[in-house]
Amino acid sequence: MLELDSLLVYFFGLSIIPFVNSWIENIGGKDVLIVSVSESHKPIFLKNKKEDKIEKEMYIRMHASTRLFTDPEELVEYVFNKEWEKPSS
């Protein structure tokens, strides 16, 4: 669990923590780490090291796949057109 926390903060930053819930369950006599991720109400970027520098990337979850935004114009259009749900109070 400590390693998961470290990886989340390293690749996403502290702002990801409210969206991730994890626990260990014993299934079939084996301990299994269960990770549940809630939908964010804002874009979340992945920090990725490329050629000795850190770049941020954004992915979109589609029905059965995950896609990387490679075109900045598509990324901006997606963010502006997405109807971000406001957190319930």
C-alpha atoms as a PDB file:
ATOM      1  CA  MET A   1       0.000   0.000   0.000  1.00  0.00           C
ATOM      2  CA  LEU A   2       2.924   2.327   0.734  1.00  0.00           C
ATOM      3  CA  GLU A   3       4.398   1.584  -2.704  1.00  0.00           C
ATOM      4  CA  LEU A   4       1.044   2.356  -4.368  1.00  0.00           C
ATOM      5  CA  ASP A   5       0.870   5.688  -2.524  1.00  0.00           C
ATOM      6  CA  SER A   6       4.401   6.534  -3.673  1.00  0.00           C
ATOM      7  CA  LEU A   7       3.650   5.640  -7.304  1.00  0.00           C
ATOM      8  CA  LEU A   8       0.423   7.664  -7.364  1.00  0.00           C
ATOM      9  CA  VAL A   9       2.121  10.763  -5.998  1.00  0.00           C
ATOM     10  CA  TYR A  10       5.147  10.356  -8.293  1.00  0.00           C
ATOM     11  CA  PHE A  11       3.126   9.930 -11.497  1.00  0.00           C
ATOM     12  CA  PHE A  12       0.062  12.083 -10.724  1.00  0.00           C
ATOM     13  CA  GLY A  13       0.817  14.343  -7.751  1.00  0.00           C
ATOM     14  CA  LEU A  14      -1.070  14.711  -4.490  1.00  0.00           C
ATOM     15  CA  SER A  15      -4.256  15.929  -6.188  1.00  0.00           C
ATOM     16  CA  ILE A  16      -5.049  12.354  -7.297  1.00  0.00           C
ATOM     17  CA  ILE A  17      -5.369  10.999  -3.749  1.00  0.00           C
ATOM     18  CA  PRO A  18      -9.085  11.854  -3.196  1.00  0.00           C
ATOM     19  CA  PHE A  19     -10.018   9.811  -6.289  1.00  0.00           C
ATOM     20  CA  VAL A  20      -8.201   6.583  -5.376  1.00  0.00           C
ATOM     21  CA  ASN A  21      -9.334   4.116  -2.742  1.00  0.00           C
ATOM     22  CA  SER A  22      -7.432   0.892  -2.104  1.00  0.00           C
ATOM     23  CA  TRP A  23      -7.632  -2.033   0.288  1.00  0.00           C
ATOM     24  CA  ILE A  24      -6.438  -5.597   0.633  1.00  0.00           C
ATOM     25  CA  GLU A  25      -8.871  -8.519   0.501  1.00  0.00           C
ATOM     26  CA  ASN A  26      -8.161 -12.174   1.027  1.00  0.00           C
ATOM     27  CA  ILE A  27      -9.471 -14.010  -2.020  1.00  0.00           C
ATOM     28  CA  GLY A  28      -8.945 -17.739  -2.368  1.00  0.00           C
ATOM     29  CA  GLY A  29      -6.364 -17.687   0.418  1.00  0.00           C
ATOM     30  CA  LYS A  30      -4.302 -14.945  -1.255  1.00  0.00           C
ATOM     31  CA  ASP A  31      -4.071 -11.271  -0.363  1.00  0.00           C
ATOM     32  CA  VAL A  32      -5.202  -9.160  -3.313  1.00  0.00           C
ATOM     33  CA  LEU A  33      -4.828  -5.397  -3.603  1.00  0.00           C
ATOM     34  CA  ILE A  34      -8.092  -3.842  -4.786  1.00  0.00           C
ATOM     35  CA  VAL A  35      -7.910  -0.348  -6.295  1.00  0.00           C
ATOM     36  CA  SER A  36     -11.019   1.716  -6.993  1.00  0.00           C
ATOM     37  CA  VAL A  37     -10.681   4.985  -8.923  1.00  0.00           C
ATOM     38  CA  SER A  38     -13.470   7.562  -8.962  1.00  0.00           C
ATOM     39  CA  GLU A  39     -14.139   9.862 -11.884  1.00  0.00           C
ATOM     40  CA  SER A  40     -12.391  13.193 -11.574  1.00  0.00           C
ATOM     41  CA  HIS A  41     -14.195  16.476 -12.009  1.00  0.00           C
ATOM     42  CA  LYS A  42     -11.150  17.993 -13.706  1.00  0.00           C
ATOM     43  CA  PRO A  43      -8.405  16.792 -16.049  1.00  0.00           C
ATOM     44  CA  ILE A  44      -5.717  14.606 -14.469  1.00  0.00           C
ATOM     45  CA  PHE A  45      -2.289  14.485 -16.095  1.00  0.00           C
ATOM     46  CA  LEU A  46       0.263  11.676 -15.982  1.00  0.00           C
ATOM     47  CA  LYS A  47       3.885  12.662 -15.406  1.00  0.00           C
ATOM     48  CA  ASN A  48       6.041  10.581 -17.744  1.00  0.00           C
ATOM     49  CA  LYS A  49       9.843  10.654 -17.975  1.00  0.00           C
ATOM     50  CA  LYS A  50      11.069  10.867 -21.565  1.00  0.00           C
ATOM     51  CA  GLU A  51      14.709  11.328 -22.499  1.00  0.00           C
ATOM     52  CA  ASP A  52      15.742  12.698 -19.084  1.00  0.00           C
ATOM     53  CA  LYS A  53      12.860  15.166 -18.814  1.00  0.00           C
ATOM     54  CA  ILE A  54       9.403  14.968 -17.301  1.00  0.00           C
ATOM     55  CA  GLU A  55       6.445  15.482 -19.637  1.00  0.00           C
ATOM     56  CA  LYS A  56       2.789  15.540 -18.684  1.00  0.00           C
ATOM     57  CA  GLU A  57       0.333  13.471 -20.704  1.00  0.00           C
ATOM     58  CA  MET A  58      -3.439  13.205 -20.664  1.00  0.00           C
ATOM     59  CA  TYR A  59      -5.387  10.095 -21.518  1.00  0.00           C
ATOM     60  CA  ILE A  60      -9.103   9.650 -22.129  1.00  0.00           C
ATOM     61  CA  ARG A  61     -11.014   6.539 -21.174  1.00  0.00           C
ATOM     62  CA  MET A  62     -13.292   5.399 -23.964  1.00  0.00           C
ATOM     63  CA  HIS A  63     -15.715   2.484 -23.799  1.00  0.00           C
ATOM     64  CA  ALA A  64     -13.180  -0.342 -23.942  1.00  0.00           C
ATOM     65  CA  SER A  65      -9.859   1.437 -24.383  1.00  0.00           C
ATOM     66  CA  THR A  66      -7.685   4.260 -23.128  1.00  0.00           C
ATOM     67  CA  ARG A  67      -6.237   6.777 -25.584  1.00  0.00           C
ATOM     68  CA  LEU A  68      -3.402   9.291 -25.273  1.00  0.00           C
ATOM     69  CA  PHE A  69      -4.074  12.805 -26.478  1.00  0.00           C
ATOM     70  CA  THR A  70      -1.265  13.554 -28.941  1.00  0.00           C
ATOM     71  CA  ASP A  71      -2.774  16.606 -30.612  1.00  0.00           C
ATOM     72  CA  PRO A  72      -2.815  19.703 -28.352  1.00  0.00           C
ATOM     73  CA  GLU A  73      -5.803  21.099 -30.241  1.00  0.00           C
ATOM     74  CA  GLU A  74      -7.831  17.943 -29.528  1.00  0.00           C
ATOM     75  CA  LEU A  75      -6.844  18.116 -25.862  1.00  0.00           C
ATOM     76  CA  VAL A  76      -7.977  21.736 -25.524  1.00  0.00           C
ATOM     77  CA  GLU A  77     -11.206  21.015 -27.386  1.00  0.00           C
ATOM     78  CA  TYR A  78     -11.935  18.021 -25.155  1.00  0.00           C
ATOM     79  CA  VAL A  79     -11.351  19.996 -21.947  1.00  0.00           C
ATOM     80  CA  PHE A  80     -13.521  22.924 -23.083  1.00  0.00           C
ATOM     81  CA  ASN A  81     -16.325  20.713 -24.411  1.00  0.00           C
ATOM     82  CA  LYS A  82     -16.418  18.195 -21.573  1.00  0.00           C
ATOM     83  CA  GLU A  83     -19.295  18.805 -19.245  1.00  0.00           C
ATOM     84  CA  TRP A  84     -17.387  18.346 -16.013  1.00  0.00           C
ATOM     85  CA  GLU A  85     -19.715  17.258 -13.282  1.00  0.00           C
ATOM     86  CA  LYS A  86     -19.566  19.363 -10.183  1.00  0.00           C
ATOM     87  CA  PRO A  87     -18.828  17.442  -6.983  1.00  0.00           C
ATOM     88  CA  SER A  88     -21.908  16.785  -4.922  1.00  0.00           C
ATOM     89  CA  SER A  89     -22.004  18.800  -1.720  1.00  0.00           C
END
